[in-house]
Amino acid sequence: MSDFMRWVTHGIKRGRFEMSPRTARYLFALVVVLTLVAALYLMLVSRTAARGRHIEQLQAELSRLQRENEQLEVEIAREGSISRLWKRAIELGFVPAERVEFLE
């Protein structure tokens, strides 16, 4: 048998990716660690994205509430004006006092 044939048959018999049990354990441990790191990374990215969406929602709600608050302040100012209060008092049947007496 020629050297080449011995080399080919040796490679076939032995297997191309044959490794010691120790190397296989290290490789398996490496794959497990890399898988855990990847899972942890994906979990953190997902959580960060979810919190980002939540922050955007809170900012939108804050803007809406600020606009609503400004509208209510304008309405309070309008309803609390002297002319408006005077008109409303007349509508409710109030009349100006004719004689004012002060108690001592």
PDB file of N, CA and C in Angstrom:
ATOM      1  N   MET A   1       0.853  -1.154   0.000  1.00  0.00           N
ATOM      2  CA  MET A   1       0.000   0.000   0.000  1.00  0.00           C
ATOM      3  C   MET A   1       0.906   1.226   0.000  1.00  0.00           C
ATOM      4  N   SER A   2       0.524   2.177  -0.824  1.00  0.00           N
ATOM      5  CA  SER A   2       1.360   3.369  -0.941  1.00  0.00           C
ATOM      6  C   SER A   2       1.149   4.276   0.262  1.00  0.00           C
ATOM      7  N   ASP A   3       2.046   5.185   0.421  1.00  0.00           N
ATOM      8  CA  ASP A   3       1.942   6.134   1.534  1.00  0.00           C
ATOM      9  C   ASP A   3       0.673   6.979   1.420  1.00  0.00           C
ATOM     10  N   PHE A   4       0.346   7.341   0.201  1.00  0.00           N
ATOM     11  CA  PHE A   4      -0.838   8.157  -0.014  1.00  0.00           C
ATOM     12  C   PHE A   4      -2.097   7.405   0.413  1.00  0.00           C
ATOM     13  N   MET A   5      -2.193   6.152   0.050  1.00  0.00           N
ATOM     14  CA  MET A   5      -3.366   5.346   0.387  1.00  0.00           C
ATOM     15  C   MET A   5      -3.448   5.132   1.892  1.00  0.00           C
ATOM     16  N   ARG A   6      -2.306   4.922   2.517  1.00  0.00           N
ATOM     17  CA  ARG A   6      -2.313   4.772   3.971  1.00  0.00           C
ATOM     18  C   ARG A   6      -2.812   6.063   4.637  1.00  0.00           C
ATOM     19  N   TRP A   7      -2.396   7.186   4.082  1.00  0.00           N
ATOM     20  CA  TRP A   7      -2.802   8.483   4.632  1.00  0.00           C
ATOM     21  C   TRP A   7      -4.313   8.681   4.458  1.00  0.00           C
ATOM     22  N   VAL A   8      -4.841   8.306   3.287  1.00  0.00           N
ATOM     23  CA  VAL A   8      -6.268   8.441   3.019  1.00  0.00           C
ATOM     24  C   VAL A   8      -7.063   7.506   3.915  1.00  0.00           C
ATOM     25  N   THR A   9      -6.671   6.254   3.992  1.00  0.00           N
ATOM     26  CA  THR A   9      -7.426   5.303   4.815  1.00  0.00           C
ATOM     27  C   THR A   9      -7.305   5.646   6.294  1.00  0.00           C
ATOM     28  N   HIS A  10      -6.182   6.160   6.703  1.00  0.00           N
ATOM     29  CA  HIS A  10      -6.024   6.574   8.097  1.00  0.00           C
ATOM     30  C   HIS A  10      -7.002   7.717   8.418  1.00  0.00           C
ATOM     31  N   GLY A  11      -7.130   8.677   7.490  1.00  0.00           N
ATOM     32  CA  GLY A  11      -8.061   9.785   7.675  1.00  0.00           C
ATOM     33  C   GLY A  11      -9.503   9.318   7.704  1.00  0.00           C
ATOM     34  N   ILE A  12      -9.830   8.310   6.896  1.00  0.00           N
ATOM     35  CA  ILE A  12     -11.203   7.801   6.854  1.00  0.00           C
ATOM     36  C   ILE A  12     -11.514   7.039   8.122  1.00  0.00           C
ATOM     37  N   LYS A  13     -10.599   6.194   8.557  1.00  0.00           N
ATOM     38  CA  LYS A  13     -10.833   5.384   9.752  1.00  0.00           C
ATOM     39  C   LYS A  13     -10.921   6.262  11.002  1.00  0.00           C
ATOM     40  N   ARG A  14     -10.028   7.175  11.084  1.00  0.00           N
ATOM     41  CA  ARG A  14      -9.944   7.973  12.294  1.00  0.00           C
ATOM     42  C   ARG A  14     -11.051   9.023  12.354  1.00  0.00           C
ATOM     43  N   GLY A  15     -11.477   9.513  11.260  1.00  0.00           N
ATOM     44  CA  GLY A  15     -12.487  10.567  11.242  1.00  0.00           C
ATOM     45  C   GLY A  15     -11.799  11.916  11.223  1.00  0.00           C
ATOM     46  N   ARG A  16     -12.339  12.791  10.459  1.00  0.00           N
ATOM     47  CA  ARG A  16     -11.673  14.071  10.258  1.00  0.00           C
ATOM     48  C   ARG A  16     -11.757  14.970  11.498  1.00  0.00           C
ATOM     49  N   PHE A  17     -12.869  14.933  12.206  1.00  0.00           N
ATOM     50  CA  PHE A  17     -13.060  15.839  13.333  1.00  0.00           C
ATOM     51  C   PHE A  17     -12.991  15.127  14.675  1.00  0.00           C
ATOM     52  N   GLU A  18     -12.258  14.093  14.757  1.00  0.00           N
ATOM     53  CA  GLU A  18     -12.133  13.371  16.016  1.00  0.00           C
ATOM     54  C   GLU A  18     -11.333  14.212  16.995  1.00  0.00           C
ATOM     55  N   MET A  19     -11.817  14.280  18.244  1.00  0.00           N
ATOM     56  CA  MET A  19     -11.103  15.046  19.259  1.00  0.00           C
ATOM     57  C   MET A  19     -11.180  14.314  20.579  1.00  0.00           C
ATOM     58  N   SER A  20     -10.333  14.718  21.468  1.00  0.00           N
ATOM     59  CA  SER A  20     -10.298  14.065  22.777  1.00  0.00           C
ATOM     60  C   SER A  20     -11.541  14.470  23.572  1.00  0.00           C
ATOM     61  N   PRO A  21     -11.923  13.662  24.547  1.00  0.00           N
ATOM     62  CA  PRO A  21     -13.089  13.997  25.372  1.00  0.00           C
ATOM     63  C   PRO A  21     -12.909  15.334  26.105  1.00  0.00           C
ATOM     64  N   ARG A  22     -11.693  15.621  26.504  1.00  0.00           N
ATOM     65  CA  ARG A  22     -11.424  16.874  27.208  1.00  0.00           C
ATOM     66  C   ARG A  22     -11.695  18.076  26.283  1.00  0.00           C
ATOM     67  N   THR A  23     -11.222  17.984  25.058  1.00  0.00           N
ATOM     68  CA  THR A  23     -11.449  19.052  24.091  1.00  0.00           C
ATOM     69  C   THR A  23     -12.939  19.181  23.783  1.00  0.00           C
ATOM     70  N   ALA A  24     -13.632  18.064  23.688  1.00  0.00           N
ATOM     71  CA  ALA A  24     -15.074  18.089  23.426  1.00  0.00           C
ATOM     72  C   ALA A  24     -15.814  18.778  24.568  1.00  0.00           C
ATOM     73  N   ARG A  25     -15.415  18.511  25.811  1.00  0.00           N
ATOM     74  CA  ARG A  25     -16.048  19.163  26.963  1.00  0.00           C
ATOM     75  C   ARG A  25     -15.821  20.673  26.926  1.00  0.00           C
ATOM     76  N   TYR A  26     -14.580  21.067  26.620  1.00  0.00           N
ATOM     77  CA  TYR A  26     -14.282  22.497  26.532  1.00  0.00           C
ATOM     78  C   TYR A  26     -15.095  23.161  25.420  1.00  0.00           C
ATOM     79  N   LEU A  27     -15.194  22.497  24.304  1.00  0.00           N
ATOM     80  CA  LEU A  27     -15.958  23.043  23.186  1.00  0.00           C
ATOM     81  C   LEU A  27     -17.442  23.154  23.547  1.00  0.00           C
ATOM     82  N   PHE A  28     -17.970  22.124  24.199  1.00  0.00           N
ATOM     83  CA  PHE A  28     -19.368  22.149  24.632  1.00  0.00           C
ATOM     84  C   PHE A  28     -19.599  23.278  25.642  1.00  0.00           C
ATOM     85  N   ALA A  29     -18.689  23.423  26.593  1.00  0.00           N
ATOM     86  CA  ALA A  29     -18.809  24.491  27.591  1.00  0.00           C
ATOM     87  C   ALA A  29     -18.768  25.860  26.912  1.00  0.00           C
ATOM     88  N   LEU A  30     -17.902  26.004  25.916  1.00  0.00           N
ATOM     89  CA  LEU A  30     -17.810  27.262  25.186  1.00  0.00           C
ATOM     90  C   LEU A  30     -19.122  27.569  24.460  1.00  0.00           C
ATOM     91  N   VAL A  31     -19.695  26.564  23.825  1.00  0.00           N
ATOM     92  CA  VAL A  31     -20.970  26.747  23.121  1.00  0.00           C
ATOM     93  C   VAL A  31     -22.072  27.129  24.113  1.00  0.00           C
ATOM     94  N   VAL A  32     -22.106  26.478  25.270  1.00  0.00           N
ATOM     95  CA  VAL A  32     -23.116  26.790  26.285  1.00  0.00           C
ATOM     96  C   VAL A  32     -22.946  28.224  26.783  1.00  0.00           C
ATOM     97  N   VAL A  33     -21.715  28.617  27.078  1.00  0.00           N
ATOM     98  CA  VAL A  33     -21.460  29.971  27.574  1.00  0.00           C
ATOM     99  C   VAL A  33     -21.848  31.006  26.515  1.00  0.00           C
ATOM    100  N   LEU A  34     -21.464  30.772  25.273  1.00  0.00           N
ATOM    101  CA  LEU A  34     -21.814  31.712  24.206  1.00  0.00           C
ATOM    102  C   LEU A  34     -23.329  31.802  24.016  1.00  0.00           C
ATOM    103  N   THR A  35     -24.015  30.680  24.141  1.00  0.00           N
ATOM    104  CA  THR A  35     -25.475  30.678  24.034  1.00  0.00           C
ATOM    105  C   THR A  35     -26.102  31.483  25.172  1.00  0.00           C
ATOM    106  N   LEU A  36     -25.593  31.300  26.386  1.00  0.00           N
ATOM    107  CA  LEU A  36     -26.115  32.053  27.524  1.00  0.00           C
ATOM    108  C   LEU A  36     -25.845  33.551  27.377  1.00  0.00           C
ATOM    109  N   VAL A  37     -24.662  33.896  26.910  1.00  0.00           N
ATOM    110  CA  VAL A  37     -24.332  35.307  26.699  1.00  0.00           C
ATOM    111  C   VAL A  37     -25.250  35.905  25.633  1.00  0.00           C
ATOM    112  N   ALA A  38     -25.479  35.178  24.555  1.00  0.00           N
ATOM    113  CA  ALA A  38     -26.366  35.669  23.496  1.00  0.00           C
ATOM    114  C   ALA A  38     -27.795  35.832  24.015  1.00  0.00           C
ATOM    115  N   ALA A  39     -28.263  34.872  24.805  1.00  0.00           N
ATOM    116  CA  ALA A  39     -29.617  34.962  25.363  1.00  0.00           C
ATOM    117  C   ALA A  39     -29.726  36.155  26.313  1.00  0.00           C
ATOM    118  N   LEU A  40     -28.716  36.354  27.139  1.00  0.00           N
ATOM    119  CA  LEU A  40     -28.710  37.492  28.057  1.00  0.00           C
ATOM    120  C   LEU A  40     -28.705  38.808  27.289  1.00  0.00           C
ATOM    121  N   TYR A  41     -27.910  38.880  26.248  1.00  0.00           N
ATOM    122  CA  TYR A  41     -27.846  40.085  25.419  1.00  0.00           C
ATOM    123  C   TYR A  41     -29.207  40.377  24.786  1.00  0.00           C
ATOM    124  N   LEU A  42     -29.839  39.358  24.222  1.00  0.00           N
ATOM    125  CA  LEU A  42     -31.154  39.550  23.600  1.00  0.00           C
ATOM    126  C   LEU A  42     -32.202  39.984  24.624  1.00  0.00           C
ATOM    127  N   MET A  43     -32.118  39.408  25.823  1.00  0.00           N
ATOM    128  CA  MET A  43     -33.057  39.774  26.873  1.00  0.00           C
ATOM    129  C   MET A  43     -32.871  41.245  27.263  1.00  0.00           C
ATOM    130  N   LEU A  44     -31.623  41.677  27.409  1.00  0.00           N
ATOM    131  CA  LEU A  44     -31.354  43.064  27.777  1.00  0.00           C
ATOM    132  C   LEU A  44     -31.783  44.033  26.678  1.00  0.00           C
ATOM    133  N   VAL A  45     -31.519  43.678  25.433  1.00  0.00           N
ATOM    134  CA  VAL A  45     -31.923  44.538  24.316  1.00  0.00           C
ATOM    135  C   VAL A  45     -33.444  44.637  24.253  1.00  0.00           C
ATOM    136  N   SER A  46     -34.115  43.526  24.455  1.00  0.00           N
ATOM    137  CA  SER A  46     -35.578  43.515  24.432  1.00  0.00           C
ATOM    138  C   SER A  46     -36.141  44.372  25.560  1.00  0.00           C
ATOM    139  N   ARG A  47     -35.588  44.225  26.745  1.00  0.00           N
ATOM    140  CA  ARG A  47     -36.055  45.000  27.891  1.00  0.00           C
ATOM    141  C   ARG A  47     -35.795  46.492  27.678  1.00  0.00           C
ATOM    142  N   THR A  48     -34.636  46.818  27.125  1.00  0.00           N
ATOM    143  CA  THR A  48     -34.307  48.219  26.850  1.00  0.00           C
ATOM    144  C   THR A  48     -35.272  48.812  25.830  1.00  0.00           C
ATOM    145  N   ALA A  49     -35.582  48.056  24.796  1.00  0.00           N
ATOM    146  CA  ALA A  49     -36.528  48.534  23.779  1.00  0.00           C
ATOM    147  C   ALA A  49     -37.916  48.739  24.387  1.00  0.00           C
ATOM    148  N   ALA A  50     -38.338  47.818  25.239  1.00  0.00           N
ATOM    149  CA  ALA A  50     -39.654  47.940  25.878  1.00  0.00           C
ATOM    150  C   ALA A  50     -39.701  49.173  26.779  1.00  0.00           C
ATOM    151  N   ARG A  51     -38.627  49.411  27.519  1.00  0.00           N
ATOM    152  CA  ARG A  51     -38.593  50.590  28.388  1.00  0.00           C
ATOM    153  C   ARG A  51     -38.567  51.870  27.558  1.00  0.00           C
ATOM    154  N   GLY A  52     -37.886  51.829  26.425  1.00  0.00           N
ATOM    155  CA  GLY A  52     -37.871  52.990  25.535  1.00  0.00           C
ATOM    156  C   GLY A  52     -39.263  53.318  25.026  1.00  0.00           C
ATOM    157  N   ARG A  53     -40.009  52.276  24.640  1.00  0.00           N
ATOM    158  CA  ARG A  53     -41.388  52.496  24.190  1.00  0.00           C
ATOM    159  C   ARG A  53     -42.242  53.056  25.331  1.00  0.00           C
ATOM    160  N   HIS A  54     -42.038  52.538  26.528  1.00  0.00           N
ATOM    161  CA  HIS A  54     -42.802  53.009  27.684  1.00  0.00           C
ATOM    162  C   HIS A  54     -42.489  54.484  27.965  1.00  0.00           C
ATOM    163  N   ILE A  55     -41.226  54.858  27.862  1.00  0.00           N
ATOM    164  CA  ILE A  55     -40.831  56.254  28.071  1.00  0.00           C
ATOM    165  C   ILE A  55     -41.478  57.149  27.023  1.00  0.00           C
ATOM    166  N   GLU A  56     -41.497  56.702  25.767  1.00  0.00           N
ATOM    167  CA  GLU A  56     -42.147  57.487  24.708  1.00  0.00           C
ATOM    168  C   GLU A  56     -43.632  57.668  24.995  1.00  0.00           C
ATOM    169  N   GLN A  57     -44.285  56.613  25.471  1.00  0.00           N
ATOM    170  CA  GLN A  57     -45.707  56.712  25.805  1.00  0.00           C
ATOM    171  C   GLN A  57     -45.931  57.697  26.950  1.00  0.00           C
ATOM    172  N   LEU A  58     -45.052  57.638  27.958  1.00  0.00           N
ATOM    173  CA  LEU A  58     -45.184  58.559  29.083  1.00  0.00           C
ATOM    174  C   LEU A  58     -44.947  60.007  28.649  1.00  0.00           C
ATOM    175  N   GLN A  59     -43.995  60.219  27.749  1.00  0.00           N
ATOM    176  CA  GLN A  59     -43.743  61.572  27.254  1.00  0.00           C
ATOM    177  C   GLN A  59     -44.936  62.089  26.454  1.00  0.00           C
ATOM    178  N   ALA A  60     -45.542  61.223  25.658  1.00  0.00           N
ATOM    179  CA  ALA A  60     -46.730  61.626  24.896  1.00  0.00           C
ATOM    180  C   ALA A  60     -47.878  61.969  25.844  1.00  0.00           C
ATOM    181  N   GLU A  61     -48.062  61.165  26.884  1.00  0.00           N
ATOM    182  CA  GLU A  61     -49.118  61.440  27.861  1.00  0.00           C
ATOM    183  C   GLU A  61     -48.835  62.743  28.605  1.00  0.00           C
ATOM    184  N   LEU A  62     -47.567  62.981  28.939  1.00  0.00           N
ATOM    185  CA  LEU A  62     -47.196  64.229  29.612  1.00  0.00           C
ATOM    186  C   LEU A  62     -47.524  65.435  28.736  1.00  0.00           C
ATOM    187  N   SER A  63     -47.204  65.356  27.459  1.00  0.00           N
ATOM    188  CA  SER A  63     -47.518  66.454  26.537  1.00  0.00           C
ATOM    189  C   SER A  63     -49.020  66.683  26.450  1.00  0.00           C
ATOM    190  N   ARG A  64     -49.777  65.595  26.357  1.00  0.00           N
ATOM    191  CA  ARG A  64     -51.239  65.708  26.286  1.00  0.00           C
ATOM    192  C   ARG A  64     -51.794  66.353  27.555  1.00  0.00           C
ATOM    193  N   LEU A  65     -51.293  65.934  28.715  1.00  0.00           N
ATOM    194  CA  LEU A  65     -51.780  66.493  29.976  1.00  0.00           C
ATOM    195  C   LEU A  65     -51.387  67.962  30.132  1.00  0.00           C
ATOM    196  N   GLN A  66     -50.214  68.336  29.638  1.00  0.00           N
ATOM    197  CA  GLN A  66     -49.809  69.741  29.699  1.00  0.00           C
ATOM    198  C   GLN A  66     -50.724  70.607  28.826  1.00  0.00           C
ATOM    199  N   ARG A  67     -51.051  70.104  27.616  1.00  0.00           N
ATOM    200  CA  ARG A  67     -51.975  70.848  26.748  1.00  0.00           C
ATOM    201  C   ARG A  67     -53.352  70.980  27.411  1.00  0.00           C
ATOM    202  N   GLU A  68     -53.826  69.884  27.992  1.00  0.00           N
ATOM    203  CA  GLU A  68     -55.128  69.901  28.659  1.00  0.00           C
ATOM    204  C   GLU A  68     -55.111  70.873  29.841  1.00  0.00           C
ATOM    205  N   ASN A  69     -54.013  70.886  30.584  1.00  0.00           N
ATOM    206  CA  ASN A  69     -53.882  71.794  31.721  1.00  0.00           C
ATOM    207  C   ASN A  69     -53.907  73.253  31.264  1.00  0.00           C
ATOM    208  N   GLU A  70     -53.214  73.548  30.173  1.00  0.00           N
ATOM    209  CA  GLU A  70     -53.224  74.911  29.632  1.00  0.00           C
ATOM    210  C   GLU A  70     -54.634  75.318  29.204  1.00  0.00           C
ATOM    211  N   GLN A  71     -55.357  74.397  28.570  1.00  0.00           N
ATOM    212  CA  GLN A  71     -56.732  74.693  28.153  1.00  0.00           C
ATOM    213  C   GLN A  71     -57.626  74.957  29.369  1.00  0.00           C
ATOM    214  N   LEU A  72     -57.427  74.173  30.430  1.00  0.00           N
ATOM    215  CA  LEU A  72     -58.222  74.372  31.643  1.00  0.00           C
ATOM    216  C   LEU A  72     -57.888  75.706  32.314  1.00  0.00           C
ATOM    217  N   GLU A  73     -56.619  76.096  32.288  1.00  0.00           N
ATOM    218  CA  GLU A  73     -56.239  77.391  32.859  1.00  0.00           C
ATOM    219  C   GLU A  73     -56.898  78.536  32.087  1.00  0.00           C
ATOM    220  N   VAL A  74     -56.937  78.415  30.768  1.00  0.00           N
ATOM    221  CA  VAL A  74     -57.603  79.440  29.948  1.00  0.00           C
ATOM    222  C   VAL A  74     -59.089  79.478  30.278  1.00  0.00           C
ATOM    223  N   GLU A  75     -59.705  78.311  30.419  1.00  0.00           N
ATOM    224  CA  GLU A  75     -61.132  78.251  30.738  1.00  0.00           C
ATOM    225  C   GLU A  75     -61.411  78.838  32.121  1.00  0.00           C
ATOM    226  N   ILE A  76     -60.536  78.554  33.089  1.00  0.00           N
ATOM    227  CA  ILE A  76     -60.704  79.118  34.434  1.00  0.00           C
ATOM    228  C   ILE A  76     -60.596  80.638  34.384  1.00  0.00           C
ATOM    229  N   ALA A  77     -59.618  81.129  33.632  1.00  0.00           N
ATOM    230  CA  ALA A  77     -59.452  82.582  33.515  1.00  0.00           C
ATOM    231  C   ALA A  77     -60.677  83.214  32.862  1.00  0.00           C
ATOM    232  N   ARG A  78     -61.207  82.566  31.833  1.00  0.00           N
ATOM    233  CA  ARG A  78     -62.376  83.101  31.133  1.00  0.00           C
ATOM    234  C   ARG A  78     -63.604  83.074  32.050  1.00  0.00           C
ATOM    235  N   GLU A  79     -63.840  81.945  32.723  1.00  0.00           N
ATOM    236  CA  GLU A  79     -65.020  81.804  33.583  1.00  0.00           C
ATOM    237  C   GLU A  79     -64.906  82.652  34.847  1.00  0.00           C
ATOM    238  N   GLY A  80     -63.686  82.978  35.260  1.00  0.00           N
ATOM    239  CA  GLY A  80     -63.504  83.744  36.492  1.00  0.00           C
ATOM    240  C   GLY A  80     -63.391  85.238  36.277  1.00  0.00           C
ATOM    241  N   SER A  81     -63.560  85.698  35.055  1.00  0.00           N
ATOM    242  CA  SER A  81     -63.464  87.141  34.800  1.00  0.00           C
ATOM    243  C   SER A  81     -64.648  87.857  35.443  1.00  0.00           C
ATOM    244  N   ILE A  82     -64.418  89.114  35.816  1.00  0.00           N
ATOM    245  CA  ILE A  82     -65.457  89.895  36.495  1.00  0.00           C
ATOM    246  C   ILE A  82     -66.706  90.027  35.628  1.00  0.00           C
ATOM    247  N   SER A  83     -66.514  90.307  34.346  1.00  0.00           N
ATOM    248  CA  SER A  83     -67.686  90.481  33.475  1.00  0.00           C
ATOM    249  C   SER A  83     -68.483  89.186  33.374  1.00  0.00           C
ATOM    250  N   ARG A  84     -67.810  88.067  33.304  1.00  0.00           N
ATOM    251  CA  ARG A  84     -68.502  86.773  33.210  1.00  0.00           C
ATOM    252  C   ARG A  84     -69.227  86.464  34.513  1.00  0.00           C
ATOM    253  N   LEU A  85     -68.575  86.719  35.647  1.00  0.00           N
ATOM    254  CA  LEU A  85     -69.216  86.467  36.943  1.00  0.00           C
ATOM    255  C   LEU A  85     -70.433  87.379  37.139  1.00  0.00           C
ATOM    256  N   TRP A  86     -70.315  88.625  36.723  1.00  0.00           N
ATOM    257  CA  TRP A  86     -71.441  89.569  36.836  1.00  0.00           C
ATOM    258  C   TRP A  86     -72.621  89.093  35.989  1.00  0.00           C
ATOM    259  N   LYS A  87     -72.343  88.682  34.766  1.00  0.00           N
ATOM    260  CA  LYS A  87     -73.392  88.192  33.859  1.00  0.00           C
ATOM    261  C   LYS A  87     -74.050  86.942  34.434  1.00  0.00           C
ATOM    262  N   ARG A  88     -73.270  86.046  34.979  1.00  0.00           N
ATOM    263  CA  ARG A  88     -73.800  84.795  35.543  1.00  0.00           C
ATOM    264  C   ARG A  88     -74.649  85.084  36.784  1.00  0.00           C
ATOM    265  N   ALA A  89     -74.202  86.018  37.589  1.00  0.00           N
ATOM    266  CA  ALA A  89     -74.970  86.384  38.790  1.00  0.00           C
ATOM    267  C   ALA A  89     -76.339  86.932  38.405  1.00  0.00           C
ATOM    268  N   ILE A  90     -76.385  87.757  37.370  1.00  0.00           N
ATOM    269  CA  ILE A  90     -77.671  88.301  36.903  1.00  0.00           C
ATOM    270  C   ILE A  90     -78.552  87.175  36.368  1.00  0.00           C
ATOM    271  N   GLU A  91     -77.960  86.218  35.633  1.00  0.00           N
ATOM    272  CA  GLU A  91     -78.731  85.076  35.111  1.00  0.00           C
ATOM    273  C   GLU A  91     -79.335  84.259  36.244  1.00  0.00           C
ATOM    274  N   LEU A  92     -78.632  84.174  37.368  1.00  0.00           N
ATOM    275  CA  LEU A  92     -79.122  83.396  38.509  1.00  0.00           C
ATOM    276  C   LEU A  92     -80.096  84.189  39.384  1.00  0.00           C
ATOM    277  N   GLY A  93     -80.320  85.446  39.045  1.00  0.00           N
ATOM    278  CA  GLY A  93     -81.305  86.234  39.783  1.00  0.00           C
ATOM    279  C   GLY A  93     -80.721  87.080  40.900  1.00  0.00           C
ATOM    280  N   PHE A  94     -79.429  87.189  40.985  1.00  0.00           N
ATOM    281  CA  PHE A  94     -78.829  88.043  42.004  1.00  0.00           C
ATOM    282  C   PHE A  94     -78.976  89.501  41.581  1.00  0.00           C
ATOM    283  N   VAL A  95     -79.113  90.365  42.580  1.00  0.00           N
ATOM    284  CA  VAL A  95     -79.206  91.805  42.313  1.00  0.00           C
ATOM    285  C   VAL A  95     -78.199  92.513  43.207  1.00  0.00           C
ATOM    286  N   PRO A  96     -77.780  93.703  42.807  1.00  0.00           N
ATOM    287  CA  PRO A  96     -76.855  94.445  43.671  1.00  0.00           C
ATOM    288  C   PRO A  96     -77.540  94.836  44.982  1.00  0.00           C
ATOM    289  N   ALA A  97     -76.768  94.827  46.034  1.00  0.00           N
ATOM    290  CA  ALA A  97     -77.320  95.193  47.349  1.00  0.00           C
ATOM    291  C   ALA A  97     -77.625  96.682  47.355  1.00  0.00           C
ATOM    292  N   GLU A  98     -78.800  97.029  47.894  1.00  0.00           N
ATOM    293  CA  GLU A  98     -79.182  98.433  47.945  1.00  0.00           C
ATOM    294  C   GLU A  98     -78.648  99.095  49.207  1.00  0.00           C
ATOM    295  N   ARG A  99     -78.664  98.359  50.281  1.00  0.00           N
ATOM    296  CA  ARG A  99     -78.196  98.911  51.545  1.00  0.00           C
ATOM    297  C   ARG A  99     -77.255  97.904  52.183  1.00  0.00           C
ATOM    298  N   VAL A 100     -76.052  98.336  52.482  1.00  0.00           N
ATOM    299  CA  VAL A 100     -75.053  97.449  53.069  1.00  0.00           C
ATOM    300  C   VAL A 100     -74.892  97.823  54.530  1.00  0.00           C
ATOM    301  N   GLU A 101     -74.985  96.841  55.398  1.00  0.00           N
ATOM    302  CA  GLU A 101     -74.785  97.069  56.831  1.00  0.00           C
ATOM    303  C   GLU A 101     -73.594  96.234  57.272  1.00  0.00           C
ATOM    304  N   PHE A 102     -72.715  96.881  58.013  1.00  0.00           N
ATOM    305  CA  PHE A 102     -71.533  96.199  58.523  1.00  0.00           C
ATOM    306  C   PHE A 102     -71.722  95.900  59.999  1.00  0.00           C
ATOM    307  N   LEU A 103     -71.318  94.753  60.447  1.00  0.00           N
ATOM    308  CA  LEU A 103     -71.412  94.367  61.856  1.00  0.00           C
ATOM    309  C   LEU A 103     -70.093  94.668  62.533  1.00  0.00           C
ATOM    310  N   GLU A 104     -70.220  95.149  63.749  1.00  0.00           N
ATOM    311  CA  GLU A 104     -68.990  95.441  64.486  1.00  0.00           C
ATOM    312  C   GLU A 104     -68.757  94.453  65.567  1.00  0.00           C
TER     313      GLU A 104
END
